[in-house]
Amino acid sequence: MITSVRNPLVKQIRSLHRTKGRREQNQFLLEGTHLLETACQVNCYLVTLCYTEQWQARYPQLWENALKRVERHELVTPEVLATMATTVNPDGVVATAVSRKMGIGAIADFKLGLVLERLQDPGNLGTIIRTAVGTEIDGIWLSDDSVDIDHPKVLRASAGAWFQLPLMVVSDLTDVIKTYQKSGINIVATLPNANRTYWDLDFRKPTLILLGNEGAGLSDDLVELADETVTIPLGKGVESLNVAIAAALMLYEARRQSKK
């Protein structure tokens, strides 16, 4: 059992809290029972598993399942586990996994996707991913100046959906947009001053929705590529919606129309 927070493994896992550590080790951090369970379901390759006695006793089947796909496993004290985790009250287990290749090839029978530009809040991105899986979209493209796709809070906010959706981090979103535009995909930008509301769109046509930074919105370069612009109506005194809420409204409207 690991009882010291000075143990080299503790230091190694703590380094995954930061972008530099994740890139140097080519690994990311999984915190909590639900994320571990989802990772096992999708056959994610695990490098390290650390758990407390209480957690092992509570989840013996998941523990045995995880041991089949992990290189190293260690029993640790609750104090050591707390040091490894980014959450205030970890539930007794953390794991590390090999970083996922964030790539999307050509998507056959494309119907709906999201392009996200310069998102900075990991909670927003995780929530958008969770909503995207809930509405069964085809993929998400994220600009490389956004929050890290494997930030621990992104994974937690996605509630496991992170493993279930094609994700692509790209340096030039305009190339992605132009490629799909040439194939007949409708490109839609969300703007506060657009003349049409989002529910006036025909989402039954294959559509790529563009959403921008929490504060600055979409860049002019991406707005100029849009075939259509729409707004989300707001009451007086409200300047804008949280980007994750805006994404949810549009994605569920698209899902509603697809079920007609």
Protein backbone atom coordinates (compact mmCIF):
# COMPACT_ATOMS: atom_id res chain seq x y z
CA MET A 1 0.00 0.00 0.00
CA ILE A 2 1.22 3.50 -0.82
CA THR A 3 1.02 5.62 2.33
CA SER A 4 3.27 8.55 1.50
CA VAL A 5 2.33 11.54 -0.65
CA ARG A 6 6.03 11.75 -1.54
CA ASN A 7 5.89 8.47 -3.46
CA PRO A 8 7.13 8.93 -7.07
CA LEU A 9 3.87 7.56 -8.47
CA VAL A 10 1.90 10.20 -6.59
CA LYS A 11 4.09 12.90 -8.08
CA GLN A 12 3.71 11.41 -11.55
CA ILE A 13 -0.09 11.31 -11.35
CA ARG A 14 -0.29 14.81 -9.88
CA SER A 15 1.62 16.10 -12.90
CA LEU A 16 -1.35 15.05 -15.04
CA HIS A 17 -3.33 17.89 -13.47
CA ARG A 18 -1.40 20.17 -15.83
CA THR A 19 -1.18 20.38 -19.61
CA LYS A 20 2.60 19.99 -19.58
CA GLY A 21 2.43 16.76 -17.59
CA ARG A 22 -0.24 15.25 -19.81
CA ARG A 23 1.74 16.05 -22.95
CA GLU A 24 5.07 14.79 -21.57
CA GLN A 25 3.59 11.49 -20.42
CA ASN A 26 1.06 11.12 -23.24
CA GLN A 27 -1.51 10.24 -20.58
CA PHE A 28 -4.58 11.74 -19.00
CA LEU A 29 -6.30 11.41 -15.63
CA LEU A 30 -9.54 9.58 -14.92
CA GLU A 31 -11.19 10.42 -11.60
CA GLY A 32 -14.05 8.59 -10.02
CA THR A 33 -16.03 5.41 -10.37
CA HIS A 34 -18.27 6.50 -13.22
CA LEU A 35 -15.43 7.56 -15.53
CA LEU A 36 -13.49 4.38 -14.77
CA GLU A 37 -16.56 2.29 -15.47
CA THR A 38 -17.12 4.01 -18.81
CA ALA A 39 -13.46 3.65 -19.74
CA CYS A 40 -13.66 -0.08 -19.12
CA GLN A 41 -16.84 -0.37 -21.17
CA VAL A 42 -15.12 1.14 -24.21
CA ASN A 43 -11.93 -0.89 -23.67
CA CYS A 44 -9.80 2.14 -22.89
CA TYR A 45 -6.18 1.13 -22.27
CA LEU A 46 -5.30 1.98 -18.65
CA VAL A 47 -1.78 2.61 -17.44
CA THR A 48 -2.27 2.98 -13.67
CA LEU A 49 -5.09 2.30 -11.22
CA CYS A 50 -5.00 3.65 -7.66
CA TYR A 51 -7.77 2.91 -5.16
CA THR A 52 -8.55 2.81 -1.46
CA GLU A 53 -9.57 -0.25 0.53
CA GLN A 54 -13.06 1.18 0.98
CA TRP A 55 -13.50 1.66 -2.77
CA GLN A 56 -12.24 -1.85 -3.55
CA ALA A 57 -14.70 -3.36 -1.08
CA ARG A 58 -17.57 -1.33 -2.51
CA TYR A 59 -16.87 -2.04 -6.20
CA PRO A 60 -15.25 -5.51 -6.37
CA GLN A 61 -16.56 -6.31 -9.86
CA LEU A 62 -15.37 -3.04 -11.38
CA TRP A 63 -12.03 -3.48 -9.61
CA GLU A 64 -11.58 -6.94 -11.14
CA ASN A 65 -12.62 -5.66 -14.56
CA ALA A 66 -10.15 -2.77 -14.38
CA LEU A 67 -7.30 -5.07 -13.36
CA LYS A 68 -7.69 -6.94 -16.66
CA ARG A 69 -6.78 -3.83 -18.65
CA VAL A 70 -4.24 -1.96 -16.52
CA GLU A 71 -0.44 -2.13 -16.39
CA ARG A 72 -0.04 -1.22 -12.72
CA HIS A 73 -2.44 -1.09 -9.80
CA GLU A 74 -1.81 0.22 -6.30
CA LEU A 75 -3.73 0.28 -3.07
CA VAL A 76 -3.40 3.73 -1.47
CA THR A 77 -4.58 5.50 1.65
CA PRO A 78 -7.46 8.00 1.38
CA GLU A 79 -4.97 10.79 2.09
CA VAL A 80 -2.76 9.75 -0.82
CA LEU A 81 -5.78 9.35 -3.11
CA ALA A 82 -6.93 12.86 -2.23
CA THR A 83 -3.52 14.20 -3.22
CA MET A 84 -3.72 12.51 -6.61
CA ALA A 85 -7.21 13.82 -7.42
CA THR A 86 -8.29 17.28 -8.54
CA THR A 87 -11.67 17.01 -6.85
CA VAL A 88 -12.30 18.11 -3.26
CA ASN A 89 -13.95 14.84 -2.19
CA PRO A 90 -12.72 12.00 -4.46
CA ASP A 91 -14.73 8.80 -4.26
CA GLY A 92 -11.76 6.47 -3.81
CA VAL A 93 -10.32 5.75 -7.25
CA VAL A 94 -8.20 7.41 -9.92
CA ALA A 95 -6.66 5.96 -13.05
CA THR A 96 -4.42 7.09 -15.87
CA ALA A 97 -4.83 6.20 -19.52
CA VAL A 98 -2.95 6.65 -22.76
CA SER A 99 -3.97 9.88 -24.46
CA ARG A 100 -6.68 9.47 -27.04
CA LYS A 101 -6.01 10.31 -30.68
CA MET A 102 -8.35 13.21 -31.36
CA GLY A 103 -9.09 12.50 -34.99
CA ILE A 104 -12.12 12.23 -37.20
CA GLY A 105 -11.94 10.79 -40.68
CA ALA A 106 -14.60 11.28 -43.27
CA ILE A 107 -18.00 10.80 -41.64
CA ALA A 108 -20.39 8.82 -43.79
CA ASP A 109 -24.00 9.97 -43.89
CA PHE A 110 -23.18 13.18 -41.99
CA LYS A 111 -26.23 14.87 -40.44
CA LEU A 112 -25.16 17.16 -37.60
CA GLY A 113 -21.93 18.41 -36.06
CA LEU A 114 -20.43 21.18 -33.93
CA VAL A 115 -17.49 23.48 -34.54
CA LEU A 116 -16.24 25.10 -31.32
CA GLU A 117 -13.86 28.04 -31.51
CA ARG A 118 -11.61 29.13 -28.63
CA LEU A 119 -13.68 27.64 -25.79
CA GLN A 120 -11.89 28.26 -22.50
CA ASP A 121 -14.05 26.80 -19.75
CA PRO A 122 -13.56 23.04 -19.24
CA GLY A 123 -16.99 22.70 -17.64
CA ASN A 124 -18.62 24.20 -20.72
CA LEU A 125 -16.78 21.87 -23.06
CA GLY A 126 -17.58 18.80 -20.99
CA THR A 127 -21.24 19.75 -20.82
CA ILE A 128 -21.36 20.31 -24.59
CA ILE A 129 -19.83 16.88 -25.19
CA ARG A 130 -22.40 15.29 -22.89
CA THR A 131 -25.25 17.08 -24.68
CA ALA A 132 -23.80 16.16 -28.08
CA VAL A 133 -23.85 12.47 -27.18
CA GLY A 134 -27.38 12.84 -25.80
CA THR A 135 -28.56 14.28 -29.10
CA GLU A 136 -26.58 11.78 -31.18
CA ILE A 137 -24.58 14.20 -33.31
CA ASP A 138 -21.80 12.98 -35.59
CA GLY A 139 -18.77 14.82 -34.22
CA ILE A 140 -17.16 17.89 -32.67
CA TRP A 141 -14.29 19.97 -34.08
CA LEU A 142 -12.42 22.13 -31.56
CA SER A 143 -9.83 24.82 -32.28
CA ASP A 144 -6.41 24.08 -30.82
CA ASP A 145 -6.39 27.35 -28.86
CA SER A 146 -9.27 26.08 -26.73
CA VAL A 147 -9.15 24.41 -23.33
CA ASP A 148 -7.40 21.02 -23.37
CA ILE A 149 -9.76 18.31 -24.54
CA ASP A 150 -8.34 15.96 -21.87
CA HIS A 151 -8.51 18.46 -19.00
CA PRO A 152 -9.75 16.54 -15.91
CA LYS A 153 -12.75 18.84 -15.54
CA VAL A 154 -13.74 18.30 -19.18
CA LEU A 155 -13.88 14.56 -18.59
CA ARG A 156 -15.82 14.92 -15.34
CA ALA A 157 -18.34 17.37 -16.82
CA SER A 158 -18.90 15.04 -19.76
CA ALA A 159 -19.97 12.29 -17.33
CA GLY A 160 -18.38 9.60 -19.48
CA ALA A 161 -19.72 10.90 -22.80
CA TRP A 162 -16.16 11.97 -23.67
CA PHE A 163 -15.41 8.39 -24.73
CA GLN A 164 -18.47 8.05 -26.94
CA LEU A 165 -18.13 10.83 -29.54
CA PRO A 166 -15.65 11.54 -32.35
CA LEU A 167 -13.59 14.59 -31.32
CA MET A 168 -11.06 16.50 -33.40
CA VAL A 169 -8.67 19.24 -32.27
CA VAL A 170 -7.55 21.21 -35.32
CA SER A 171 -5.31 24.20 -36.03
CA ASP A 172 -7.50 25.60 -38.82
CA LEU A 173 -11.26 25.34 -38.46
CA THR A 174 -11.80 27.09 -41.80
CA ASP A 175 -10.46 24.03 -43.63
CA VAL A 176 -12.95 21.80 -41.84
CA ILE A 177 -15.83 24.13 -42.59
CA LYS A 178 -14.94 24.57 -46.27
CA THR A 179 -14.53 20.82 -46.76
CA TYR A 180 -18.01 20.07 -45.42
CA GLN A 181 -19.49 23.09 -47.15
CA LYS A 182 -18.28 21.78 -50.52
CA SER A 183 -20.10 18.52 -49.85
CA GLY A 184 -23.39 20.36 -49.34
CA ILE A 185 -23.44 20.69 -45.57
CA ASN A 186 -25.30 23.78 -44.31
CA ILE A 187 -23.00 25.98 -42.20
CA VAL A 188 -24.81 27.86 -39.42
CA ALA A 189 -23.34 30.58 -37.17
CA THR A 190 -24.95 31.85 -33.98
CA LEU A 191 -24.95 35.66 -33.69
CA PRO A 192 -26.72 38.00 -31.26
CA ASN A 193 -27.88 40.33 -34.07
CA ALA A 194 -29.06 37.79 -36.64
CA ASN A 195 -32.53 38.27 -38.12
CA ARG A 196 -33.70 34.67 -37.78
CA THR A 197 -34.17 32.59 -34.66
CA TYR A 198 -32.59 29.16 -34.41
CA TRP A 199 -35.93 27.34 -34.53
CA ASP A 200 -36.59 28.78 -38.01
CA LEU A 201 -33.75 26.69 -39.41
CA ASP A 202 -34.40 23.49 -41.27
CA PHE A 203 -32.19 21.12 -39.29
CA ARG A 204 -33.39 18.23 -41.39
CA LYS A 205 -30.66 19.31 -43.81
CA PRO A 206 -27.15 18.16 -42.85
CA THR A 207 -25.84 20.99 -40.67
CA LEU A 208 -22.61 22.12 -39.06
CA ILE A 209 -23.21 24.55 -36.16
CA LEU A 210 -20.52 27.11 -35.30
CA LEU A 211 -20.18 28.29 -31.69
CA GLY A 212 -17.59 30.69 -30.34
CA ASN A 213 -15.65 31.80 -27.30
CA GLU A 214 -17.57 32.41 -24.06
CA GLY A 215 -16.78 36.14 -24.10
CA ALA A 216 -15.88 37.14 -27.64
CA GLY A 217 -18.09 34.77 -29.61
CA LEU A 218 -17.18 33.65 -33.13
CA SER A 219 -14.35 35.24 -35.06
CA ASP A 220 -15.22 37.23 -38.17
CA ASP A 221 -13.39 34.68 -40.31
CA LEU A 222 -15.76 31.90 -39.30
CA VAL A 223 -18.87 34.08 -39.43
CA GLU A 224 -18.06 34.96 -43.04
CA LEU A 225 -18.06 31.27 -43.97
CA ALA A 226 -21.59 30.68 -42.65
CA ASP A 227 -24.42 29.97 -45.09
CA GLU A 228 -26.94 31.10 -42.48
CA THR A 229 -26.84 33.07 -39.21
CA VAL A 230 -29.32 32.68 -36.38
CA THR A 231 -29.92 34.13 -32.95
CA ILE A 232 -31.28 32.79 -29.67
CA PRO A 233 -33.90 35.29 -28.41
CA LEU A 234 -33.18 36.75 -24.98
CA GLY A 235 -35.15 38.84 -22.52
CA LYS A 236 -34.27 42.42 -21.70
CA GLY A 237 -31.11 42.90 -19.70
CA VAL A 238 -29.56 39.57 -20.78
CA GLU A 239 -26.70 39.97 -23.23
CA SER A 240 -25.91 36.36 -23.97
CA LEU A 241 -26.34 32.74 -22.93
CA ASN A 242 -23.74 30.35 -21.62
CA VAL A 243 -22.26 28.60 -24.66
CA ALA A 244 -23.17 25.16 -23.32
CA ILE A 245 -26.81 26.24 -22.96
CA ALA A 246 -26.78 27.70 -26.47
CA ALA A 247 -25.42 24.43 -27.83
CA ALA A 248 -28.07 22.42 -25.99
CA LEU A 249 -30.93 24.56 -27.34
CA MET A 250 -29.80 24.18 -30.92
CA LEU A 251 -28.96 20.50 -30.71
CA TYR A 252 -32.28 19.59 -29.14
CA GLU A 253 -34.16 21.66 -31.71
CA ALA A 254 -32.32 19.69 -34.39
CA ARG A 255 -33.27 16.45 -32.66
CA ARG A 256 -36.92 17.55 -32.36
CA GLN A 257 -37.08 18.28 -36.08
CA SER A 258 -35.44 14.98 -36.97
CA LYS A 259 -38.17 13.09 -35.10
CA LYS A 260 -41.04 14.70 -37.00
